[in-house]
Every structure is written in structure tokens, then in C-alpha cells.
Amino acid sequence: MRLAFTPEAAGHADVCDAWWRDHRDARDLFARELADAKELIRKSPLVGTMYTVLDGLPVRRVLLPKTRTHLYYSIDADKGIVMVLAVWGAPKGRGPFLRRSSSGGER
């Protein structure tokens, strides 16, 4: 399956990556975990835990364990795409505002 990020999710990922690079010794940890998670959900999109339903499509999430960040995504099998909707820190104690975007870019 093809993998794409909504503009909001891409922004979330950029902010998380910048924060890790500025504040942690393991500067590339977020980028490495994100790359691993992207490959995982591209190959096995049903691996994530069911989170909610949005616009008739299930939203799943996977945890990046060391950075404690979730990737929230939906699968559109008809279009052959996994769309990442949000990249959100688990310690925030609440989930992100989710919305689908018709224009997502590959990352």
C-alpha cells in the first residue's frame, strides 16, 4: 500500500522531529522510530489498534515506544492508501483532533 500524510500529520511529525533533535541526546530517535512505523503500517496496515471511526473508515494507531508517540491512520483499501492523520504524543493524556484530508503527501 501507498502511505501518505495529511498536511496536519506532516506538521506534527516535523514538530516532533525538531523537538527531539533540539532536546535529546538521541537526536534521530524520533526519525528512526517514525521510519520503522511507516514501513510497518505500509506492509501490515491492520497492525494498529482500533481507535475510532472517522468518515466511515476505521482509524488505527501504533505506538512509537521509545518516543511515546502515536501514529493515527486510516486505510482506504479501494484507493490502496494508508493515510496518516496525526502524529501525537501519548503523554498528552488526550487524543488529537482528527480529520481526513483529500490532499495528502507521501513522506
PDB file of N, CA and C in Angstrom:
ATOM      1  N   MET A   1       0.839  -1.189   0.000  1.00  0.00           N
ATOM      2  CA  MET A   1       0.000   0.000   0.000  1.00  0.00           C
ATOM      3  C   MET A   1       0.879   1.246   0.000  1.00  0.00           C
ATOM      4  N   ARG A   2       0.325   2.267  -0.561  1.00  0.00           N
ATOM      5  CA  ARG A   2       0.988   3.570  -0.545  1.00  0.00           C
ATOM      6  C   ARG A   2       0.718   4.234   0.795  1.00  0.00           C
ATOM      7  N   LEU A   3       1.634   5.016   1.305  1.00  0.00           N
ATOM      8  CA  LEU A   3       1.482   5.714   2.572  1.00  0.00           C
ATOM      9  C   LEU A   3       1.590   7.206   2.331  1.00  0.00           C
ATOM     10  N   ALA A   4       0.684   7.975   2.916  1.00  0.00           N
ATOM     11  CA  ALA A   4       0.717   9.430   2.786  1.00  0.00           C
ATOM     12  C   ALA A   4       0.341  10.053   4.124  1.00  0.00           C
ATOM     13  N   PHE A   5       0.720  11.301   4.295  1.00  0.00           N
ATOM     14  CA  PHE A   5       0.408  12.074   5.497  1.00  0.00           C
ATOM     15  C   PHE A   5      -0.509  13.226   5.122  1.00  0.00           C
ATOM     16  N   THR A   6      -1.510  13.502   5.969  1.00  0.00           N
ATOM     17  CA  THR A   6      -2.260  14.744   5.788  1.00  0.00           C
ATOM     18  C   THR A   6      -1.294  15.899   6.077  1.00  0.00           C
ATOM     19  N   PRO A   7      -1.602  17.090   5.612  1.00  0.00           N
ATOM     20  CA  PRO A   7      -0.735  18.222   5.948  1.00  0.00           C
ATOM     21  C   PRO A   7      -0.581  18.413   7.464  1.00  0.00           C
ATOM     22  N   GLU A   8      -1.664  18.162   8.202  1.00  0.00           N
ATOM     23  CA  GLU A   8      -1.605  18.307   9.662  1.00  0.00           C
ATOM     24  C   GLU A   8      -0.644  17.290  10.270  1.00  0.00           C
ATOM     25  N   ALA A   9      -0.736  16.036   9.821  1.00  0.00           N
ATOM     26  CA  ALA A   9       0.142  14.990  10.341  1.00  0.00           C
ATOM     27  C   ALA A   9       1.598  15.266   9.970  1.00  0.00           C
ATOM     28  N   ALA A  10       1.834  15.749   8.773  1.00  0.00           N
ATOM     29  CA  ALA A  10       3.200  16.092   8.367  1.00  0.00           C
ATOM     30  C   ALA A  10       3.754  17.193   9.276  1.00  0.00           C
ATOM     31  N   GLY A  11       2.918  18.167   9.597  1.00  0.00           N
ATOM     32  CA  GLY A  11       3.338  19.227  10.516  1.00  0.00           C
ATOM     33  C   GLY A  11       3.637  18.688  11.904  1.00  0.00           C
ATOM     34  N   HIS A  12       2.765  17.791  12.396  1.00  0.00           N
ATOM     35  CA  HIS A  12       3.016  17.161  13.698  1.00  0.00           C
ATOM     36  C   HIS A  12       4.369  16.451  13.699  1.00  0.00           C
ATOM     37  N   ALA A  13       4.635  15.682  12.649  1.00  0.00           N
ATOM     38  CA  ALA A  13       5.888  14.920  12.563  1.00  0.00           C
ATOM     39  C   ALA A  13       7.092  15.859  12.548  1.00  0.00           C
ATOM     40  N   ASP A  14       6.982  16.957  11.812  1.00  0.00           N
ATOM     41  CA  ASP A  14       8.090  17.912  11.748  1.00  0.00           C
ATOM     42  C   ASP A  14       8.370  18.528  13.123  1.00  0.00           C
ATOM     43  N   VAL A  15       7.305  18.874  13.845  1.00  0.00           N
ATOM     44  CA  VAL A  15       7.455  19.463  15.188  1.00  0.00           C
ATOM     45  C   VAL A  15       8.094  18.446  16.140  1.00  0.00           C
ATOM     46  N   CYS A  16       7.610  17.211  16.117  1.00  0.00           N
ATOM     47  CA  CYS A  16       8.179  16.165  16.982  1.00  0.00           C
ATOM     48  C   CYS A  16       9.656  15.941  16.666  1.00  0.00           C
ATOM     49  N   ASP A  17       9.981  15.851  15.389  1.00  0.00           N
ATOM     50  CA  ASP A  17      11.363  15.615  14.997  1.00  0.00           C
ATOM     51  C   ASP A  17      12.257  16.764  15.458  1.00  0.00           C
ATOM     52  N   ALA A  18      11.813  17.983  15.249  1.00  0.00           N
ATOM     53  CA  ALA A  18      12.609  19.149  15.670  1.00  0.00           C
ATOM     54  C   ALA A  18      12.807  19.154  17.180  1.00  0.00           C
ATOM     55  N   TRP A  19      11.759  18.821  17.929  1.00  0.00           N
ATOM     56  CA  TRP A  19      11.867  18.808  19.393  1.00  0.00           C
ATOM     57  C   TRP A  19      12.899  17.771  19.840  1.00  0.00           C
ATOM     58  N   TRP A  20      12.829  16.573  19.270  1.00  0.00           N
ATOM     59  CA  TRP A  20      13.788  15.525  19.654  1.00  0.00           C
ATOM     60  C   TRP A  20      15.207  15.940  19.291  1.00  0.00           C
ATOM     61  N   ARG A  21      15.389  16.553  18.146  1.00  0.00           N
ATOM     62  CA  ARG A  21      16.734  16.967  17.735  1.00  0.00           C
ATOM     63  C   ARG A  21      17.281  18.079  18.627  1.00  0.00           C
ATOM     64  N   ASP A  22      16.408  18.940  19.138  1.00  0.00           N
ATOM     65  CA  ASP A  22      16.838  20.065  19.976  1.00  0.00           C
ATOM     66  C   ASP A  22      16.987  19.712  21.458  1.00  0.00           C
ATOM     67  N   HIS A  23      16.269  18.691  21.943  1.00  0.00           N
ATOM     68  CA  HIS A  23      16.186  18.458  23.386  1.00  0.00           C
ATOM     69  C   HIS A  23      16.701  17.111  23.877  1.00  0.00           C
ATOM     70  N   ARG A  24      17.107  16.236  23.006  1.00  0.00           N
ATOM     71  CA  ARG A  24      17.525  14.906  23.448  1.00  0.00           C
ATOM     72  C   ARG A  24      18.891  14.547  22.871  1.00  0.00           C
ATOM     73  N   ASP A  25      19.613  13.706  23.608  1.00  0.00           N
ATOM     74  CA  ASP A  25      20.902  13.214  23.113  1.00  0.00           C
ATOM     75  C   ASP A  25      20.708  12.305  21.902  1.00  0.00           C
ATOM     76  N   ALA A  26      19.645  11.502  21.926  1.00  0.00           N
ATOM     77  CA  ALA A  26      19.333  10.620  20.797  1.00  0.00           C
ATOM     78  C   ALA A  26      18.541  11.430  19.766  1.00  0.00           C
ATOM     79  N   ARG A  27      19.227  12.321  19.104  1.00  0.00           N
ATOM     80  CA  ARG A  27      18.579  13.315  18.239  1.00  0.00           C
ATOM     81  C   ARG A  27      17.745  12.713  17.111  1.00  0.00           C
ATOM     82  N   ASP A  28      18.170  11.567  16.608  1.00  0.00           N
ATOM     83  CA  ASP A  28      17.438  10.989  15.479  1.00  0.00           C
ATOM     84  C   ASP A  28      16.490   9.863  15.895  1.00  0.00           C
ATOM     85  N   LEU A  29      16.251   9.707  17.194  1.00  0.00           N
ATOM     86  CA  LEU A  29      15.397   8.613  17.665  1.00  0.00           C
ATOM     87  C   LEU A  29      13.989   8.710  17.088  1.00  0.00           C
ATOM     88  N   PHE A  30      13.385   9.880  17.119  1.00  0.00           N
ATOM     89  CA  PHE A  30      12.035  10.019  16.574  1.00  0.00           C
ATOM     90  C   PHE A  30      12.025   9.669  15.084  1.00  0.00           C
ATOM     91  N   ALA A  31      12.978  10.178  14.343  1.00  0.00           N
ATOM     92  CA  ALA A  31      13.024   9.914  12.891  1.00  0.00           C
ATOM     93  C   ALA A  31      13.165   8.417  12.619  1.00  0.00           C
ATOM     94  N   ARG A  32      13.995   7.733  13.406  1.00  0.00           N
ATOM     95  CA  ARG A  32      14.172   6.291  13.215  1.00  0.00           C
ATOM     96  C   ARG A  32      12.903   5.526  13.556  1.00  0.00           C
ATOM     97  N   GLU A  33      12.275   5.893  14.673  1.00  0.00           N
ATOM     98  CA  GLU A  33      11.034   5.205  15.044  1.00  0.00           C
ATOM     99  C   GLU A  33       9.924   5.482  14.035  1.00  0.00           C
ATOM    100  N   LEU A  34       9.851   6.697  13.556  1.00  0.00           N
ATOM    101  CA  LEU A  34       8.843   7.041  12.553  1.00  0.00           C
ATOM    102  C   LEU A  34       9.060   6.232  11.277  1.00  0.00           C
ATOM    103  N   ALA A  35      10.295   6.128  10.833  1.00  0.00           N
ATOM    104  CA  ALA A  35      10.593   5.354   9.628  1.00  0.00           C
ATOM    105  C   ALA A  35      10.195   3.892   9.810  1.00  0.00           C
ATOM    106  N   ASP A  36      10.489   3.332  10.976  1.00  0.00           N
ATOM    107  CA  ASP A  36      10.115   1.939  11.248  1.00  0.00           C
ATOM    108  C   ASP A  36       8.599   1.761  11.252  1.00  0.00           C
ATOM    109  N   ALA A  37       7.893   2.693  11.884  1.00  0.00           N
ATOM    110  CA  ALA A  37       6.430   2.605  11.959  1.00  0.00           C
ATOM    111  C   ALA A  37       5.802   2.761  10.578  1.00  0.00           C
ATOM    112  N   LYS A  38       6.343   3.652   9.761  1.00  0.00           N
ATOM    113  CA  LYS A  38       5.819   3.828   8.405  1.00  0.00           C
ATOM    114  C   LYS A  38       5.958   2.541   7.604  1.00  0.00           C
ATOM    115  N   GLU A  39       7.103   1.913   7.714  1.00  0.00           N
ATOM    116  CA  GLU A  39       7.326   0.652   6.988  1.00  0.00           C
ATOM    117  C   GLU A  39       6.378  -0.430   7.499  1.00  0.00           C
ATOM    118  N   LEU A  40       6.195  -0.489   8.805  1.00  0.00           N
ATOM    119  CA  LEU A  40       5.306  -1.482   9.411  1.00  0.00           C
ATOM    120  C   LEU A  40       3.874  -1.324   8.915  1.00  0.00           C
ATOM    121  N   ILE A  41       3.337  -0.105   8.965  1.00  0.00           N
ATOM    122  CA  ILE A  41       1.931   0.057   8.568  1.00  0.00           C
ATOM    123  C   ILE A  41       1.757   0.004   7.059  1.00  0.00           C
ATOM    124  N   ARG A  42       2.802   0.289   6.317  1.00  0.00           N
ATOM    125  CA  ARG A  42       2.726   0.131   4.854  1.00  0.00           C
ATOM    126  C   ARG A  42       2.605  -1.349   4.502  1.00  0.00           C
ATOM    127  N   LYS A  43       3.379  -2.189   5.185  1.00  0.00           N
ATOM    128  CA  LYS A  43       3.375  -3.630   4.903  1.00  0.00           C
ATOM    129  C   LYS A  43       2.206  -4.361   5.563  1.00  0.00           C
ATOM    130  N   SER A  44       1.837  -3.945   6.772  1.00  0.00           N
ATOM    131  CA  SER A  44       0.790  -4.623   7.551  1.00  0.00           C
ATOM    132  C   SER A  44      -0.156  -3.587   8.147  1.00  0.00           C
ATOM    133  N   PRO A  45      -0.996  -2.967   7.336  1.00  0.00           N
ATOM    134  CA  PRO A  45      -1.807  -1.849   7.822  1.00  0.00           C
ATOM    135  C   PRO A  45      -2.774  -2.190   8.952  1.00  0.00           C
ATOM    136  N   LEU A  46      -3.140  -3.444   9.115  1.00  0.00           N
ATOM    137  CA  LEU A  46      -4.083  -3.799  10.183  1.00  0.00           C
ATOM    138  C   LEU A  46      -3.387  -4.002  11.528  1.00  0.00           C
ATOM    139  N   VAL A  47      -2.099  -3.767  11.598  1.00  0.00           N
ATOM    140  CA  VAL A  47      -1.338  -3.998  12.822  1.00  0.00           C
ATOM    141  C   VAL A  47      -1.754  -3.054  13.952  1.00  0.00           C
ATOM    142  N   GLY A  48      -2.197  -1.872  13.630  1.00  0.00           N
ATOM    143  CA  GLY A  48      -2.527  -0.882  14.653  1.00  0.00           C
ATOM    144  C   GLY A  48      -3.778  -1.228  15.439  1.00  0.00           C
ATOM    145  N   THR A  49      -3.856  -0.667  16.617  1.00  0.00           N
ATOM    146  CA  THR A  49      -5.015  -0.835  17.480  1.00  0.00           C
ATOM    147  C   THR A  49      -6.149   0.058  16.983  1.00  0.00           C
ATOM    148  N   MET A  50      -7.351  -0.493  16.957  1.00  0.00           N
ATOM    149  CA  MET A  50      -8.521   0.292  16.550  1.00  0.00           C
ATOM    150  C   MET A  50      -8.716   1.437  17.543  1.00  0.00           C
ATOM    151  N   TYR A  51      -8.893   2.660  17.024  1.00  0.00           N
ATOM    152  CA  TYR A  51      -9.042   3.846  17.866  1.00  0.00           C
ATOM    153  C   TYR A  51     -10.451   4.442  17.775  1.00  0.00           C
ATOM    154  N   THR A  52     -10.917   4.708  16.561  1.00  0.00           N
ATOM    155  CA  THR A  52     -12.241   5.299  16.345  1.00  0.00           C
ATOM    156  C   THR A  52     -12.631   5.088  14.883  1.00  0.00           C
ATOM    157  N   VAL A  53     -13.780   5.615  14.504  1.00  0.00           N
ATOM    158  CA  VAL A  53     -14.217   5.610  13.109  1.00  0.00           C
ATOM    159  C   VAL A  53     -14.389   7.065  12.682  1.00  0.00           C
ATOM    160  N   LEU A  54     -13.856   7.403  11.528  1.00  0.00           N
ATOM    161  CA  LEU A  54     -13.916   8.771  11.013  1.00  0.00           C
ATOM    162  C   LEU A  54     -14.364   8.707   9.557  1.00  0.00           C
ATOM    163  N   ASP A  55     -15.447   9.379   9.247  1.00  0.00           N
ATOM    164  CA  ASP A  55     -15.979   9.389   7.874  1.00  0.00           C
ATOM    165  C   ASP A  55     -16.176   7.973   7.336  1.00  0.00           C
ATOM    166  N   GLY A  56     -16.608   7.075   8.208  1.00  0.00           N
ATOM    167  CA  GLY A  56     -16.897   5.709   7.806  1.00  0.00           C
ATOM    168  C   GLY A  56     -15.694   4.780   7.724  1.00  0.00           C
ATOM    169  N   LEU A  57     -14.503   5.303   7.973  1.00  0.00           N
ATOM    170  CA  LEU A  57     -13.297   4.473   7.927  1.00  0.00           C
ATOM    171  C   LEU A  57     -12.719   4.306   9.328  1.00  0.00           C
ATOM    172  N   PRO A  58     -12.328   3.088   9.676  1.00  0.00           N
ATOM    173  CA  PRO A  58     -11.676   2.889  10.975  1.00  0.00           C
ATOM    174  C   PRO A  58     -10.367   3.674  11.048  1.00  0.00           C
ATOM    175  N   VAL A  59     -10.099   4.227  12.207  1.00  0.00           N
ATOM    176  CA  VAL A  59      -8.816   4.877  12.476  1.00  0.00           C
ATOM    177  C   VAL A  59      -8.071   3.989  13.460  1.00  0.00           C
ATOM    178  N   ARG A  60      -6.850   3.676  13.119  1.00  0.00           N
ATOM    179  CA  ARG A  60      -5.999   2.835  13.952  1.00  0.00           C
ATOM    180  C   ARG A  60      -4.834   3.678  14.458  1.00  0.00           C
ATOM    181  N   ARG A  61      -4.137   3.136  15.453  1.00  0.00           N
ATOM    182  CA  ARG A  61      -2.938   3.824  15.911  1.00  0.00           C
ATOM    183  C   ARG A  61      -1.870   2.805  16.282  1.00  0.00           C
ATOM    184  N   VAL A  62      -0.622   3.212  16.077  1.00  0.00           N
ATOM    185  CA  VAL A  62       0.526   2.428  16.508  1.00  0.00           C
ATOM    186  C   VAL A  62       1.392   3.335  17.377  1.00  0.00           C
ATOM    187  N   LEU A  63       2.031   2.719  18.341  1.00  0.00           N
ATOM    188  CA  LEU A  63       2.882   3.455  19.271  1.00  0.00           C
ATOM    189  C   LEU A  63       4.339   3.352  18.849  1.00  0.00           C
ATOM    190  N   LEU A  64       5.008   4.482  18.838  1.00  0.00           N
ATOM    191  CA  LEU A  64       6.460   4.527  18.714  1.00  0.00           C
ATOM    192  C   LEU A  64       6.955   4.456  20.153  1.00  0.00           C
ATOM    193  N   PRO A  65       7.416   3.293  20.597  1.00  0.00           N
ATOM    194  CA  PRO A  65       7.566   3.049  22.034  1.00  0.00           C
ATOM    195  C   PRO A  65       8.591   3.905  22.762  1.00  0.00           C
ATOM    196  N   LYS A  66       9.713   4.175  22.168  1.00  0.00           N
ATOM    197  CA  LYS A  66      10.750   4.926  22.889  1.00  0.00           C
ATOM    198  C   LYS A  66      10.436   6.410  22.976  1.00  0.00           C
ATOM    199  N   THR A  67       9.791   6.949  21.946  1.00  0.00           N
ATOM    200  CA  THR A  67       9.429   8.371  21.971  1.00  0.00           C
ATOM    201  C   THR A  67       8.020   8.593  22.514  1.00  0.00           C
ATOM    202  N   ARG A  68       7.310   7.503  22.757  1.00  0.00           N
ATOM    203  CA  ARG A  68       5.952   7.539  23.290  1.00  0.00           C
ATOM    204  C   ARG A  68       5.035   8.443  22.450  1.00  0.00           C
ATOM    205  N   THR A  69       5.091   8.200  21.160  1.00  0.00           N
ATOM    206  CA  THR A  69       4.301   8.940  20.181  1.00  0.00           C
ATOM    207  C   THR A  69       3.435   7.952  19.417  1.00  0.00           C
ATOM    208  N   HIS A  70       2.183   8.350  19.155  1.00  0.00           N
ATOM    209  CA  HIS A  70       1.279   7.519  18.360  1.00  0.00           C
ATOM    210  C   HIS A  70       1.164   8.063  16.944  1.00  0.00           C
ATOM    211  N   LEU A  71       1.064   7.142  15.985  1.00  0.00           N
ATOM    212  CA  LEU A  71       0.662   7.475  14.618  1.00  0.00           C
ATOM    213  C   LEU A  71      -0.785   7.038  14.473  1.00  0.00           C
ATOM    214  N   TYR A  72      -1.663   7.954  14.134  1.00  0.00           N
ATOM    215  CA  TYR A  72      -3.070   7.670  13.889  1.00  0.00           C
ATOM    216  C   TYR A  72      -3.259   7.635  12.384  1.00  0.00           C
ATOM    217  N   TYR A  73      -3.899   6.568  11.884  1.00  0.00           N
ATOM    218  CA  TYR A  73      -4.020   6.427  10.439  1.00  0.00           C
ATOM    219  C   TYR A  73      -5.295   5.681  10.063  1.00  0.00           C
ATOM    220  N   SER A  74      -5.700   5.872   8.821  1.00  0.00           N
ATOM    221  CA  SER A  74      -6.836   5.131   8.271  1.00  0.00           C
ATOM    222  C   SER A  74      -6.378   4.448   6.991  1.00  0.00           C
ATOM    223  N   ILE A  75      -7.116   3.428   6.630  1.00  0.00           N
ATOM    224  CA  ILE A  75      -6.790   2.629   5.453  1.00  0.00           C
ATOM    225  C   ILE A  75      -7.935   2.761   4.456  1.00  0.00           C
ATOM    226  N   ASP A  76      -7.618   3.167   3.263  1.00  0.00           N
ATOM    227  CA  ASP A  76      -8.604   3.195   2.192  1.00  0.00           C
ATOM    228  C   ASP A  76      -8.185   2.125   1.187  1.00  0.00           C
ATOM    229  N   ALA A  77      -8.708   0.920   1.392  1.00  0.00           N
ATOM    230  CA  ALA A  77      -8.312  -0.224   0.563  1.00  0.00           C
ATOM    231  C   ALA A  77      -8.675  -0.009  -0.900  1.00  0.00           C
ATOM    232  N   ASP A  78      -9.809   0.663  -1.165  1.00  0.00           N
ATOM    233  CA  ASP A  78     -10.220   0.901  -2.549  1.00  0.00           C
ATOM    234  C   ASP A  78      -9.192   1.736  -3.308  1.00  0.00           C
ATOM    235  N   LYS A  79      -8.570   2.677  -2.610  1.00  0.00           N
ATOM    236  CA  LYS A  79      -7.561   3.541  -3.231  1.00  0.00           C
ATOM    237  C   LYS A  79      -6.144   3.021  -3.016  1.00  0.00           C
ATOM    238  N   GLY A  80      -6.007   1.988  -2.177  1.00  0.00           N
ATOM    239  CA  GLY A  80      -4.689   1.426  -1.909  1.00  0.00           C
ATOM    240  C   GLY A  80      -3.773   2.358  -1.137  1.00  0.00           C
ATOM    241  N   ILE A  81      -4.356   3.085  -0.179  1.00  0.00           N
ATOM    242  CA  ILE A  81      -3.562   4.075   0.551  1.00  0.00           C
ATOM    243  C   ILE A  81      -3.785   3.978   2.057  1.00  0.00           C
ATOM    244  N   VAL A  82      -2.711   4.138   2.784  1.00  0.00           N
ATOM    245  CA  VAL A  82      -2.750   4.308   4.231  1.00  0.00           C
ATOM    246  C   VAL A  82      -2.477   5.786   4.460  1.00  0.00           C
ATOM    247  N   MET A  83      -3.430   6.479   5.098  1.00  0.00           N
ATOM    248  CA  MET A  83      -3.306   7.914   5.319  1.00  0.00           C
ATOM    249  C   MET A  83      -3.028   8.177   6.791  1.00  0.00           C
ATOM    250  N   VAL A  84      -1.873   8.748   7.091  1.00  0.00           N
ATOM    251  CA  VAL A  84      -1.548   9.137   8.463  1.00  0.00           C
ATOM    252  C   VAL A  84      -2.263  10.452   8.739  1.00  0.00           C
ATOM    253  N   LEU A  85      -3.095  10.428   9.781  1.00  0.00           N
ATOM    254  CA  LEU A  85      -3.932  11.580  10.121  1.00  0.00           C
ATOM    255  C   LEU A  85      -3.319  12.453  11.207  1.00  0.00           C
ATOM    256  N   ALA A  86      -2.518  11.853  12.082  1.00  0.00           N
ATOM    257  CA  ALA A  86      -1.920  12.609  13.184  1.00  0.00           C
ATOM    258  C   ALA A  86      -0.704  11.867  13.716  1.00  0.00           C
ATOM    259  N   VAL A  87       0.219  12.627  14.243  1.00  0.00           N
ATOM    260  CA  VAL A  87       1.380  12.127  14.964  1.00  0.00           C
ATOM    261  C   VAL A  87       1.291  12.834  16.317  1.00  0.00           C
ATOM    262  N   TRP A  88       1.049  12.061  17.374  1.00  0.00           N
ATOM    263  CA  TRP A  88       0.622  12.674  18.629  1.00  0.00           C
ATOM    264  C   TRP A  88       1.292  12.022  19.826  1.00  0.00           C
ATOM    265  N   GLY A  89       1.827  12.807  20.714  1.00  0.00           N
ATOM    266  CA  GLY A  89       2.487  12.304  21.906  1.00  0.00           C
ATOM    267  C   GLY A  89       1.518  11.646  22.873  1.00  0.00           C
ATOM    268  N   ALA A  90       1.780  10.404  23.221  1.00  0.00           N
ATOM    269  CA  ALA A  90       0.930   9.675  24.170  1.00  0.00           C
ATOM    270  C   ALA A  90       0.856  10.365  25.530  1.00  0.00           C
ATOM    271  N   PRO A  91       1.940  10.998  26.027  1.00  0.00           N
ATOM    272  CA  PRO A  91       1.877  11.633  27.344  1.00  0.00           C
ATOM    273  C   PRO A  91       0.919  12.829  27.426  1.00  0.00           C
ATOM    274  N   LYS A  92       0.389  13.284  26.312  1.00  0.00           N
ATOM    275  CA  LYS A  92      -0.524  14.431  26.355  1.00  0.00           C
ATOM    276  C   LYS A  92      -1.818  14.103  27.093  1.00  0.00           C
ATOM    277  N   GLY A  93      -2.119  12.811  27.235  1.00  0.00           N
ATOM    278  CA  GLY A  93      -3.289  12.410  28.010  1.00  0.00           C
ATOM    279  C   GLY A  93      -4.611  12.536  27.278  1.00  0.00           C
ATOM    280  N   ARG A  94      -4.585  12.945  26.037  1.00  0.00           N
ATOM    281  CA  ARG A  94      -5.787  13.051  25.219  1.00  0.00           C
ATOM    282  C   ARG A  94      -5.382  12.809  23.778  1.00  0.00           C
ATOM    283  N   GLY A  95      -6.338  12.408  23.000  1.00  0.00           N
ATOM    284  CA  GLY A  95      -6.052  12.163  21.595  1.00  0.00           C
ATOM    285  C   GLY A  95      -6.097  13.442  20.783  1.00  0.00           C
ATOM    286  N   PRO A  96      -5.627  13.383  19.556  1.00  0.00           N
ATOM    287  CA  PRO A  96      -5.628  14.550  18.678  1.00  0.00           C
ATOM    288  C   PRO A  96      -7.003  14.792  18.059  1.00  0.00           C
ATOM    289  N   PHE A  97      -7.210  15.981  17.542  1.00  0.00           N
ATOM    290  CA  PHE A  97      -8.366  16.265  16.693  1.00  0.00           C
ATOM    291  C   PHE A  97      -8.062  15.619  15.343  1.00  0.00           C
ATOM    292  N   LEU A  98      -8.955  14.754  14.896  1.00  0.00           N
ATOM    293  CA  LEU A  98      -8.709  14.021  13.650  1.00  0.00           C
ATOM    294  C   LEU A  98      -9.642  14.479  12.558  1.00  0.00           C
ATOM    295  N   ARG A  99      -9.095  14.612  11.368  1.00  0.00           N
ATOM    296  CA  ARG A  99      -9.920  14.848  10.180  1.00  0.00           C
ATOM    297  C   ARG A  99      -9.167  14.316   8.985  1.00  0.00           C
ATOM    298  N   ARG A 100      -9.938  13.841   8.037  1.00  0.00           N
ATOM    299  CA  ARG A 100      -9.328  13.349   6.805  1.00  0.00           C
ATOM    300  C   ARG A 100      -9.092  14.526   5.882  1.00  0.00           C
ATOM    301  N   SER A 101      -8.095  14.402   5.082  1.00  0.00           N
ATOM    302  CA  SER A 101      -7.772  15.435   4.111  1.00  0.00           C
ATOM    303  C   SER A 101      -7.704  14.789   2.741  1.00  0.00           C
ATOM    304  N   SER A 102      -8.297  15.405   1.768  1.00  0.00           N
ATOM    305  CA  SER A 102      -8.287  14.820   0.432  1.00  0.00           C
ATOM    306  C   SER A 102      -6.916  14.942  -0.226  1.00  0.00           C
ATOM    307  N   SER A 103      -6.103  15.850   0.288  1.00  0.00           N
ATOM    308  CA  SER A 103      -4.774  16.019  -0.310  1.00  0.00           C
ATOM    309  C   SER A 103      -3.722  15.671   0.725  1.00  0.00           C
ATOM    310  N   GLY A 104      -3.150  14.504   0.555  1.00  0.00           N
ATOM    311  CA  GLY A 104      -2.069  14.093   1.444  1.00  0.00           C
ATOM    312  C   GLY A 104      -0.827  13.860   0.635  1.00  0.00           C
ATOM    313  N   GLY A 105       0.288  14.090   1.251  1.00  0.00           N
ATOM    314  CA  GLY A 105       1.546  13.900   0.548  1.00  0.00           C
ATOM    315  C   GLY A 105       2.319  12.733   1.098  1.00  0.00           C
ATOM    316  N   GLU A 106       3.075  12.108   0.240  1.00  0.00           N
ATOM    317  CA  GLU A 106       3.902  10.994   0.692  1.00  0.00           C
ATOM    318  C   GLU A 106       5.074  11.557   1.450  1.00  0.00           C
ATOM    319  N   ARG A 107       5.509  10.780   2.453  1.00  0.00           N
ATOM    320  CA  ARG A 107       6.661  11.186   3.276  1.00  0.00           C
ATOM    321  C   ARG A 107       7.575  10.013   3.407  1.00  0.00           C
TER     322      ARG A 107
END
